[in-house]
Amino acid sequence: RYLLEQDFPGMRIGPEPTTDSFIAVMYGETEGNVPGNALVVDPKKPFRKLSRFGNAFLNRFMCSQLPNQVLKSISIIDSPGILSGEKQRISRGYDFCQVLQWFAERVDRIILLFDAHKLDISDEFSEAIKSFRGQDDKIRVVLNKADQVDTQQLMRVYGALMWSLGKVIDTPEVLRVYIGSFWAHPLRNTENRRLFEAEAQDLFKDIQSLPQKAAVRKLNDLIKRARLAKVHAYIISYLKKEMPSVFGKENKKKELINRLPEIYIQLQREYHISAGDFPEVKKMQELLENCDFTKFHSLKPKLVEAVDNMLANKIASLMNLIRQEESNMPTEMVHGGAFDGTMAGPFGHGYGEGAKEGADEDEWVVAKDKPAYDEIFYTLSPINGKISGISAKKEMVTSKLPNSVLGKIWKLADCDGDGMLDDEEFALAKHLIKIKLDGYELPGTLPSHLVPPSHRKPFQTAE
């Protein structure tokens, strides 16, 4: 709702657990709903494989179509609210985690939403997160309603969230958490406004870059599936080879299923395969229970060679083709809804701050602090109205900024490139130091509104 900036069919928002359905929010010329049973038989939609989850799921699945510009670039799957307690979980009537896993394997980004007031990770939420195993790179976390607590409480909430997630998500990297208030209402607590704006911008950039990376992600999934198929071939052929030809088939089958962890280790050594490429042992054991090992195929080395050749050679050429296509096409970004509002007028991120301060003013922005900078300038013994690099360095190093940063500031401030600074150039250098100390980035080239008045004409002519 926040991203689209309009209601969509089937939407219900409230503080209580409201959404009980999976809603695929997609672009359509006319606004309306398509129920789950009709969706899975539509060849134009990518949901046909969901029919295996049965009617209990399909009655809780729908597609909401509307003519919104955001949806021209991305589709959104809105999942049901998480429940607590065993009874509620059973009453869904379908395997919730299996459905989540199906979607997780096919989407480009998974966003986990937490409220600043409700951080507890219930049993079902924990199981849901575990179903995303293997998709850790897609996960982002949003800590919503952060304006309802003050800064001190927010620090504690953030720490508690990271601690809780650390117990559920088994990854060596720290998850990226976006903090903010993602709805179009006034902030209750405005002391962290700048933080919320910066976090929202980071989240928007992450979502906006998804259409560009979609082809590479699909190629990445293809590589994953190819490696998994190869590993399955080794496992299946090994089990087939170990089966007796006449008697004791059932006992041998049970023995092989129990020995599966050892078989994994043996195949890893024999074929030099990473342990991470193998399917989960418990899941594989469950699936093998219902299989007839005698009907398995023997290993076909030519097919394995073909997969190896694809991974070694074909994928590299495919990657080059994708890069060429991307460079020839205009950059695809998500537009519309909340994505356009963030860049409108003077409310864009960083507008009027840091190096952009004073861009709309006629007067040179450094002028207001220049009298204080002049006092320092004249204590540095200027000769013919200029101070040398050595004198400037003595003053500039008092900022404690590293030489790499001060070198960049010197390059920007020495407008005429004579290796000396006059009073305006020195004031500019001090202003740039202040920008950096306030936590903003320095510009790559000096913006026109920061050029000292006495240097403007010759500077612009030289440019």
Protein backbone atom coordinates (compact mmCIF):
# COMPACT_ATOMS: atom_id res chain seq x y z
CA ARG A 1 0.00 0.00 0.00
CA TYR A 2 2.86 2.36 0.87
CA LEU A 3 4.77 1.62 -2.36
CA LEU A 4 1.73 1.72 -4.69
CA GLU A 5 0.13 4.75 -2.96
CA GLN A 6 -3.32 3.35 -3.72
CA ASP A 7 -5.63 0.63 -2.43
CA PHE A 8 -5.68 -2.68 -4.31
CA PRO A 9 -8.60 -5.17 -4.53
CA GLY A 10 -8.65 -7.57 -1.57
CA MET A 11 -6.49 -5.29 0.62
CA ARG A 12 -7.20 -5.13 4.35
CA ILE A 13 -4.88 -3.25 6.70
CA GLY A 14 -5.23 -3.17 10.47
CA PRO A 15 -3.30 -3.69 13.72
CA GLU A 16 -4.94 -7.13 14.19
CA PRO A 17 -3.95 -10.16 12.00
CA THR A 18 -5.95 -9.25 8.88
CA THR A 19 -4.62 -10.85 5.68
CA ASP A 20 -5.44 -14.54 5.57
CA SER A 21 -4.63 -14.99 1.87
CA PHE A 22 -1.66 -14.92 -0.47
CA ILE A 23 -2.32 -11.98 -2.81
CA ALA A 24 -0.31 -11.59 -6.01
CA VAL A 25 -0.47 -7.84 -6.77
CA MET A 26 0.17 -7.48 -10.51
CA TYR A 27 -0.31 -4.99 -13.35
CA GLY A 28 -3.59 -5.10 -15.31
CA GLU A 29 -5.40 -2.63 -17.56
CA THR A 30 -8.55 -2.99 -15.47
CA GLU A 31 -8.85 -3.26 -11.69
CA GLY A 32 -10.12 -6.58 -10.33
CA ASN A 33 -9.54 -9.95 -8.65
CA VAL A 34 -8.77 -13.39 -10.08
CA PRO A 35 -9.40 -16.32 -7.66
CA GLY A 36 -6.73 -18.99 -7.07
CA ASN A 37 -8.41 -21.87 -8.96
CA ALA A 38 -8.68 -19.73 -12.10
CA LEU A 39 -5.10 -18.47 -11.66
CA VAL A 40 -3.44 -21.90 -11.72
CA VAL A 41 -5.06 -22.82 -15.07
CA ASP A 42 -4.12 -19.51 -16.74
CA PRO A 43 -1.14 -20.21 -19.08
CA LYS A 44 -0.20 -16.50 -19.10
CA LYS A 45 0.41 -16.43 -15.34
CA PRO A 46 3.41 -18.12 -13.62
CA PHE A 47 1.31 -19.95 -11.00
CA ARG A 48 0.36 -23.26 -12.65
CA LYS A 49 2.63 -25.37 -10.43
CA LEU A 50 0.80 -24.13 -7.30
CA SER A 51 -2.11 -26.48 -8.06
CA ARG A 52 -0.26 -29.24 -6.15
CA PHE A 53 -1.01 -27.48 -2.83
CA GLY A 54 -4.73 -28.29 -3.24
CA ASN A 55 -8.02 -26.49 -2.78
CA ALA A 56 -7.36 -25.45 0.83
CA PHE A 57 -4.52 -23.25 -0.46
CA LEU A 58 -6.17 -22.14 -3.72
CA ASN A 59 -9.17 -20.83 -1.77
CA ARG A 60 -6.65 -18.62 0.09
CA PHE A 61 -4.84 -17.42 -3.05
CA MET A 62 -5.81 -14.63 -5.42
CA CYS A 63 -4.38 -12.18 -7.94
CA SER A 64 -5.17 -8.51 -7.52
CA GLN A 65 -4.75 -6.56 -10.78
CA LEU A 66 -4.67 -2.78 -11.14
CA PRO A 67 -3.23 -0.20 -13.58
CA ASN A 68 -0.45 1.13 -11.34
CA GLN A 69 2.88 2.28 -12.83
CA VAL A 70 4.95 0.56 -10.08
CA LEU A 71 3.51 -2.81 -11.14
CA LYS A 72 4.77 -2.40 -14.72
CA SER A 73 8.26 -3.18 -13.38
CA ILE A 74 7.63 -5.43 -10.37
CA SER A 75 4.93 -7.78 -9.05
CA ILE A 76 4.39 -8.14 -5.30
CA ILE A 77 3.31 -11.24 -3.38
CA ASP A 78 1.58 -10.22 -0.15
CA SER A 79 1.71 -13.20 2.21
CA PRO A 80 -0.72 -13.84 5.12
CA GLY A 81 0.02 -12.49 8.57
CA ILE A 82 1.98 -14.85 10.81
CA LEU A 83 0.01 -16.73 13.48
CA SER A 84 1.10 -17.90 16.93
CA GLY A 85 0.06 -21.16 18.56
CA GLU A 86 -0.20 -24.72 17.28
CA LYS A 87 -4.00 -24.75 16.83
CA GLN A 88 -4.03 -21.71 14.54
CA ARG A 89 -1.19 -23.12 12.45
CA ILE A 90 -2.97 -26.44 11.84
CA SER A 91 -6.23 -24.67 10.91
CA ARG A 92 -4.67 -23.22 7.73
CA GLY A 93 -5.39 -26.56 6.01
CA TYR A 94 -2.29 -26.46 3.78
CA ASP A 95 1.49 -26.54 4.23
CA PHE A 96 2.18 -22.83 4.75
CA CYS A 97 5.98 -23.21 4.82
CA GLN A 98 6.03 -25.28 1.61
CA VAL A 99 4.06 -22.54 -0.19
CA LEU A 100 6.49 -19.89 1.14
CA GLN A 101 9.42 -21.99 -0.06
CA TRP A 102 7.86 -22.26 -3.54
CA PHE A 103 7.56 -18.47 -3.79
CA ALA A 104 11.01 -17.87 -2.18
CA GLU A 105 12.72 -19.91 -4.92
CA ARG A 106 11.12 -17.76 -7.64
CA VAL A 107 11.17 -14.19 -6.30
CA ASP A 108 13.99 -11.62 -6.47
CA ARG A 109 13.57 -10.17 -2.99
CA ILE A 110 12.09 -11.41 0.31
CA ILE A 111 11.11 -8.67 2.79
CA LEU A 112 10.45 -9.66 6.42
CA LEU A 113 8.35 -7.07 8.25
CA PHE A 114 8.63 -6.44 12.00
CA ASP A 115 6.80 -3.91 14.18
CA ALA A 116 8.85 -1.94 16.69
CA HIS A 117 6.26 -2.98 19.33
CA LYS A 118 5.98 -6.69 18.39
CA LEU A 119 9.42 -8.22 17.98
CA ASP A 120 8.73 -11.75 19.17
CA ILE A 121 9.44 -14.35 16.51
CA SER A 122 6.63 -16.91 16.89
CA ASP A 123 7.02 -20.62 16.12
CA GLU A 124 5.34 -20.17 12.73
CA PHE A 125 7.49 -17.15 11.83
CA SER A 126 10.58 -19.11 12.81
CA GLU A 127 9.48 -22.04 10.60
CA ALA A 128 8.67 -19.61 7.79
CA ILE A 129 12.14 -18.04 7.93
CA LYS A 130 13.73 -21.51 7.97
CA SER A 131 11.83 -22.35 4.77
CA PHE A 132 13.90 -19.60 3.06
CA ARG A 133 17.10 -21.59 3.64
CA GLY A 134 19.34 -21.31 0.60
CA GLN A 135 17.76 -17.95 -0.33
CA ASP A 136 19.58 -15.88 2.34
CA ASP A 137 20.95 -13.40 -0.22
CA LYS A 138 17.37 -12.38 -1.13
CA ILE A 139 16.27 -11.55 2.44
CA ARG A 140 15.90 -7.98 3.69
CA VAL A 141 14.33 -6.95 7.01
CA VAL A 142 12.12 -3.91 7.61
CA LEU A 143 11.62 -2.60 11.16
CA ASN A 144 8.37 -0.68 10.74
CA LYS A 145 6.57 1.81 13.02
CA ALA A 146 9.94 2.99 14.35
CA ASP A 147 8.53 6.52 14.83
CA GLN A 148 6.46 5.25 17.77
CA VAL A 149 9.53 4.93 20.01
CA ASP A 150 12.26 7.43 20.95
CA THR A 151 15.94 7.09 20.01
CA GLN A 152 17.00 5.25 23.17
CA GLN A 153 14.14 2.72 22.87
CA LEU A 154 14.83 2.33 19.13
CA MET A 155 18.45 1.32 19.87
CA ARG A 156 17.20 -1.35 22.29
CA VAL A 157 14.53 -2.56 19.85
CA TYR A 158 17.09 -2.83 17.04
CA GLY A 159 19.49 -4.76 19.28
CA ALA A 160 16.71 -7.14 20.38
CA LEU A 161 15.66 -7.71 16.77
CA MET A 162 19.21 -8.56 15.65
CA TRP A 163 19.58 -10.95 18.61
CA SER A 164 16.28 -12.71 17.77
CA LEU A 165 17.12 -12.98 14.08
CA GLY A 166 20.58 -14.34 14.86
CA LYS A 167 18.97 -17.35 16.53
CA VAL A 168 16.69 -18.10 13.56
CA ILE A 169 18.71 -17.18 10.46
CA ASP A 170 21.90 -19.18 10.27
CA THR A 171 24.15 -16.89 8.23
CA PRO A 172 27.65 -15.52 8.92
CA GLU A 173 26.64 -12.11 7.54
CA VAL A 174 24.56 -9.52 9.39
CA LEU A 175 21.15 -9.06 7.76
CA ARG A 176 20.36 -5.63 6.31
CA VAL A 177 17.63 -4.02 8.42
CA TYR A 178 15.77 -0.93 7.12
CA ILE A 179 14.34 1.23 9.92
CA GLY A 180 11.42 3.58 9.31
CA SER A 181 7.72 4.32 9.33
CA PHE A 182 6.34 3.00 6.07
CA TRP A 183 2.93 4.65 5.81
CA ALA A 184 1.74 8.06 4.63
CA HIS A 185 0.86 9.53 8.03
CA PRO A 186 2.64 12.17 10.17
CA LEU A 187 5.57 10.87 12.21
CA ARG A 188 4.74 10.52 15.91
CA ASN A 189 8.35 11.01 16.93
CA THR A 190 10.37 13.25 14.58
CA GLU A 191 13.81 13.08 16.25
CA ASN A 192 14.94 10.31 13.85
CA ARG A 193 13.41 11.80 10.69
CA ARG A 194 16.76 12.01 8.86
CA LEU A 195 17.53 8.37 9.66
CA PHE A 196 14.10 7.25 8.39
CA GLU A 197 14.56 9.22 5.14
CA ALA A 198 18.01 7.72 4.50
CA GLU A 199 16.76 4.19 5.28
CA ALA A 200 13.71 4.58 3.00
CA GLN A 201 15.99 5.76 0.18
CA ASP A 202 18.26 2.73 0.63
CA LEU A 203 15.25 0.39 0.53
CA PHE A 204 13.87 2.11 -2.58
CA LYS A 205 17.24 1.85 -4.35
CA ASP A 206 17.35 -1.86 -3.50
CA ILE A 207 13.85 -2.46 -4.92
CA GLN A 208 14.41 -0.21 -7.95
CA SER A 209 17.51 -2.17 -9.00
CA LEU A 210 15.60 -5.50 -9.09
CA PRO A 211 14.38 -5.31 -12.74
CA GLN A 212 18.00 -4.79 -13.89
CA LYS A 213 19.26 -7.84 -11.99
CA ALA A 214 16.34 -10.17 -12.90
CA ALA A 215 18.14 -11.84 -15.84
CA VAL A 216 21.33 -12.45 -13.82
CA ARG A 217 19.24 -13.87 -10.95
CA LYS A 218 17.49 -16.31 -13.32
CA LEU A 219 20.88 -17.39 -14.67
CA ASN A 220 22.10 -17.88 -11.09
CA ASP A 221 19.04 -20.08 -10.37
CA LEU A 222 19.76 -22.09 -13.53
CA ILE A 223 23.32 -22.78 -12.32
CA LYS A 224 21.99 -23.83 -8.88
CA ARG A 225 19.48 -26.23 -10.48
CA ALA A 226 22.10 -27.68 -12.85
CA ARG A 227 24.47 -28.45 -9.98
CA LEU A 228 21.65 -29.95 -7.94
CA ALA A 229 20.53 -32.11 -10.88
CA LYS A 230 24.09 -33.41 -11.26
CA VAL A 231 24.32 -34.27 -7.55
CA HIS A 232 20.92 -36.03 -7.71
CA ALA A 233 22.19 -38.11 -10.63
CA TYR A 234 25.20 -39.27 -8.54
CA ILE A 235 22.99 -40.11 -5.52
CA ILE A 236 20.33 -41.98 -7.55
CA SER A 237 22.88 -43.97 -9.58
CA TYR A 238 24.76 -44.95 -6.39
CA LEU A 239 21.54 -46.22 -4.76
CA LYS A 240 20.65 -48.16 -7.93
CA LYS A 241 24.12 -49.76 -8.04
CA GLU A 242 23.91 -50.86 -4.38
CA MET A 243 20.52 -52.58 -4.73
CA PRO A 244 20.53 -56.44 -4.85
CA SER A 245 19.20 -58.00 -8.07
CA VAL A 246 16.83 -60.55 -6.46
CA PHE A 247 16.32 -60.86 -2.65
CA GLY A 248 16.42 -58.44 0.31
CA LYS A 249 15.48 -55.30 -1.64
CA GLU A 250 13.34 -53.76 1.10
CA ASN A 251 15.95 -54.28 3.83
CA LYS A 252 18.71 -52.89 1.59
CA LYS A 253 16.55 -49.85 0.81
CA LYS A 254 16.10 -49.10 4.53
CA GLU A 255 19.82 -49.55 5.13
CA LEU A 256 20.76 -47.16 2.28
CA ILE A 257 18.32 -44.52 3.51
CA ASN A 258 19.82 -44.70 7.01
CA ARG A 259 23.34 -44.53 5.54
CA LEU A 260 22.55 -41.47 3.40
CA PRO A 261 24.82 -39.07 5.39
CA GLU A 262 27.78 -41.49 4.85
CA ILE A 263 26.87 -41.84 1.15
CA TYR A 264 26.95 -38.02 0.83
CA ILE A 265 30.51 -37.93 2.28
CA GLN A 266 31.62 -40.77 -0.01
CA LEU A 267 30.24 -39.02 -3.13
CA GLN A 268 31.82 -35.71 -2.07
CA ARG A 269 35.25 -37.35 -1.97
CA GLU A 270 34.79 -39.43 -5.12
CA TYR A 271 33.50 -36.65 -7.40
CA HIS A 272 35.06 -33.61 -5.60
CA ILE A 273 31.69 -31.96 -4.91
CA SER A 274 31.11 -29.32 -2.25
CA ALA A 275 28.92 -30.34 0.70
CA GLY A 276 26.79 -27.23 0.05
CA ASP A 277 25.64 -28.64 -3.32
CA PHE A 278 23.87 -31.62 -1.72
CA PRO A 279 20.14 -31.59 -0.86
CA GLU A 280 19.12 -31.61 2.81
CA VAL A 281 19.61 -35.12 4.28
CA LYS A 282 16.32 -35.37 6.25
CA LYS A 283 14.20 -34.14 3.34
CA MET A 284 15.96 -36.52 0.93
CA GLN A 285 15.42 -39.46 3.32
CA GLU A 286 11.69 -38.66 3.51
CA LEU A 287 11.38 -38.52 -0.29
CA LEU A 288 13.32 -41.75 -0.81
CA GLU A 289 10.94 -43.67 1.50
CA ASN A 290 8.29 -43.64 -1.26
CA CYS A 291 10.64 -44.53 -4.15
CA ASP A 292 11.36 -47.87 -5.83
CA PHE A 293 15.17 -47.98 -6.01
CA THR A 294 15.14 -50.73 -8.66
CA LYS A 295 13.52 -48.32 -11.14
CA PHE A 296 16.32 -45.74 -10.74
CA HIS A 297 18.63 -45.17 -13.73
CA SER A 298 22.33 -45.83 -13.86
CA LEU A 299 24.76 -42.92 -14.24
CA LYS A 300 25.11 -41.58 -17.79
CA PRO A 301 28.56 -39.95 -17.99
CA LYS A 302 27.75 -38.16 -21.28
CA LEU A 303 24.88 -36.26 -19.66
CA VAL A 304 27.07 -35.28 -16.68
CA GLU A 305 29.75 -34.09 -19.16
CA ALA A 306 27.13 -32.00 -20.95
CA VAL A 307 26.17 -30.30 -17.64
CA ASP A 308 29.86 -29.69 -16.80
CA ASN A 309 30.43 -28.22 -20.29
CA MET A 310 27.42 -25.92 -19.84
CA LEU A 311 28.65 -24.71 -16.44
CA ALA A 312 32.24 -24.23 -17.64
CA ASN A 313 31.65 -22.64 -21.07
CA LYS A 314 28.05 -21.87 -22.03
CA ILE A 315 27.17 -19.93 -18.85
CA ALA A 316 30.13 -17.55 -19.33
CA SER A 317 29.02 -16.68 -22.89
CA LEU A 318 25.41 -16.26 -21.66
CA MET A 319 26.64 -13.85 -18.96
CA ASN A 320 28.47 -11.80 -21.61
CA LEU A 321 25.31 -11.65 -23.74
CA ILE A 322 23.30 -10.39 -20.76
CA ARG A 323 25.90 -7.69 -20.02
CA GLN A 324 25.91 -6.57 -23.68
CA GLU A 325 22.13 -6.42 -23.72
CA GLU A 326 22.07 -4.42 -20.48
CA SER A 327 24.62 -1.91 -21.79
CA ASN A 328 22.62 -1.39 -25.03
CA MET A 329 19.28 -0.98 -23.27
CA PRO A 330 18.19 1.97 -21.09
CA THR A 331 18.49 1.35 -17.35
CA GLU A 332 15.25 -0.26 -16.17
CA MET A 333 14.03 1.25 -12.93
CA VAL A 334 10.82 1.09 -10.91
CA HIS A 335 8.74 4.26 -11.27
CA GLY A 336 5.44 5.53 -9.91
CA GLY A 337 3.88 5.43 -6.44
CA ALA A 338 6.17 6.21 -3.51
CA PHE A 339 9.27 5.86 -5.74
CA ASP A 340 8.48 9.15 -7.55
CA GLY A 341 7.50 11.09 -4.42
CA THR A 342 10.94 10.73 -2.87
CA MET A 343 12.61 12.67 -5.67
CA ALA A 344 9.98 15.41 -6.11
CA GLY A 345 10.98 19.05 -5.59
CA PRO A 346 13.13 19.96 -2.59
CA PHE A 347 12.22 16.74 -0.71
CA GLY A 348 14.69 14.47 -2.48
CA HIS A 349 17.23 12.70 -0.29
CA GLY A 350 20.11 15.02 0.64
CA TYR A 351 18.53 18.10 -0.97
CA GLY A 352 19.75 21.25 0.78
CA GLU A 353 22.19 19.24 2.91
CA GLY A 354 25.94 18.75 2.80
CA ALA A 355 27.48 19.86 -0.51
CA LYS A 356 23.99 20.62 -1.89
CA GLU A 357 23.31 23.25 0.76
CA GLY A 358 22.84 26.71 -0.77
CA ALA A 359 22.23 25.41 -4.32
CA ASP A 360 19.04 27.52 -4.63
CA GLU A 361 20.46 30.67 -3.01
CA ASP A 362 21.91 33.67 -4.84
CA GLU A 363 24.44 34.38 -2.10
CA TRP A 364 27.53 32.16 -1.74
CA VAL A 365 26.68 29.70 1.05
CA VAL A 366 30.19 29.92 2.58
CA ALA A 367 29.82 33.70 3.10
CA LYS A 368 27.88 33.35 6.37
CA ASP A 369 30.85 31.64 8.09
CA LYS A 370 33.58 33.51 6.19
CA PRO A 371 34.32 36.13 8.92
CA ALA A 372 35.30 33.29 11.33
CA TYR A 373 37.39 31.59 8.61
CA ASP A 374 39.08 34.93 7.77
CA GLU A 375 40.31 35.28 11.37
CA ILE A 376 42.09 31.91 11.07
CA PHE A 377 43.34 32.81 7.55
CA TYR A 378 45.14 35.97 8.71
CA THR A 379 46.88 34.13 11.57
CA LEU A 380 48.58 31.93 8.91
CA SER A 381 50.71 34.85 7.60
CA PRO A 382 49.39 35.23 4.02
CA ILE A 383 51.81 36.70 1.42
CA ASN A 384 50.21 38.82 -1.32
CA GLY A 385 46.77 37.69 -0.07
CA LYS A 386 47.55 33.92 -0.26
CA ILE A 387 48.79 31.20 2.06
CA SER A 388 51.11 28.40 1.01
CA GLY A 389 50.24 24.69 1.03
CA ILE A 390 52.43 24.17 4.13
CA SER A 391 50.55 26.84 6.10
CA ALA A 392 47.16 25.50 4.93
CA LYS A 393 48.17 21.95 5.88
CA LYS A 394 48.96 23.00 9.49
CA GLU A 395 45.40 24.27 9.88
CA MET A 396 43.62 21.56 7.86
CA VAL A 397 45.17 18.62 9.77
CA THR A 398 43.62 19.93 13.01
CA SER A 399 40.33 18.48 11.67
CA LYS A 400 41.87 14.98 12.18
CA LEU A 401 40.57 13.91 8.78
CA PRO A 402 42.85 11.44 6.91
CA ASN A 403 45.26 12.78 4.27
CA SER A 404 43.29 11.09 1.46
CA VAL A 405 40.22 13.20 2.36
CA LEU A 406 42.19 16.41 2.96
CA GLY A 407 43.91 15.90 -0.40
CA LYS A 408 40.52 15.78 -2.11
CA ILE A 409 39.38 18.90 -0.22
CA TRP A 410 42.59 20.71 -1.30
CA LYS A 411 41.97 19.76 -4.94
CA LEU A 412 38.39 21.08 -4.79
CA ALA A 413 39.31 24.28 -2.91
CA ASP A 414 42.36 25.28 -5.03
CA CYS A 415 40.13 26.60 -7.83
CA ASP A 416 42.94 28.18 -9.93
CA GLY A 417 45.34 25.27 -9.30
CA ASP A 418 48.26 27.52 -8.26
CA GLY A 419 49.13 25.48 -5.14
CA MET A 420 48.10 28.33 -2.83
CA LEU A 421 44.82 29.45 -1.25
CA ASP A 422 43.41 32.97 -1.09
CA ASP A 423 40.89 33.94 1.61
CA GLU A 424 37.86 32.67 -0.39
CA GLU A 425 39.53 29.37 -1.34
CA PHE A 426 40.57 28.86 2.30
CA ALA A 427 37.00 29.57 3.47
CA LEU A 428 35.79 26.99 0.89
CA ALA A 429 38.31 24.42 2.21
CA LYS A 430 37.03 24.98 5.77
CA HIS A 431 33.42 24.65 4.54
CA LEU A 432 34.24 21.34 2.80
CA ILE A 433 35.91 20.07 6.00
CA LYS A 434 32.75 20.99 7.92
CA ILE A 435 30.61 19.07 5.37
CA LYS A 436 32.77 15.96 5.85
CA LEU A 437 32.81 16.26 9.66
CA ASP A 438 28.98 16.54 9.63
CA GLY A 439 28.85 13.09 8.01
CA TYR A 440 28.13 14.02 4.38
CA GLU A 441 30.02 12.90 1.28
CA LEU A 442 32.26 15.28 -0.66
CA PRO A 443 31.30 16.04 -4.29
CA GLY A 444 33.43 14.54 -7.10
CA THR A 445 33.71 17.96 -8.76
CA LEU A 446 33.02 21.36 -7.23
CA PRO A 447 29.33 22.34 -7.76
CA SER A 448 28.86 25.75 -9.38
CA HIS A 449 27.12 27.22 -6.27
CA LEU A 450 30.24 26.48 -4.13
CA VAL A 451 32.73 28.18 -6.50
CA PRO A 452 34.07 31.35 -4.75
CA PRO A 453 32.61 34.53 -6.31
CA SER A 454 36.04 35.92 -7.37
CA HIS A 455 36.84 32.64 -9.19
CA ARG A 456 33.54 32.11 -10.97
CA LYS A 457 34.17 33.61 -14.41
CA PRO A 458 37.70 32.30 -15.01
CA PHE A 459 36.78 28.94 -13.40
CA GLN A 460 33.77 28.41 -15.67
CA THR A 461 35.71 29.52 -18.76
CA ALA A 462 38.52 27.06 -17.95
CA GLU A 463 35.91 24.30 -17.47
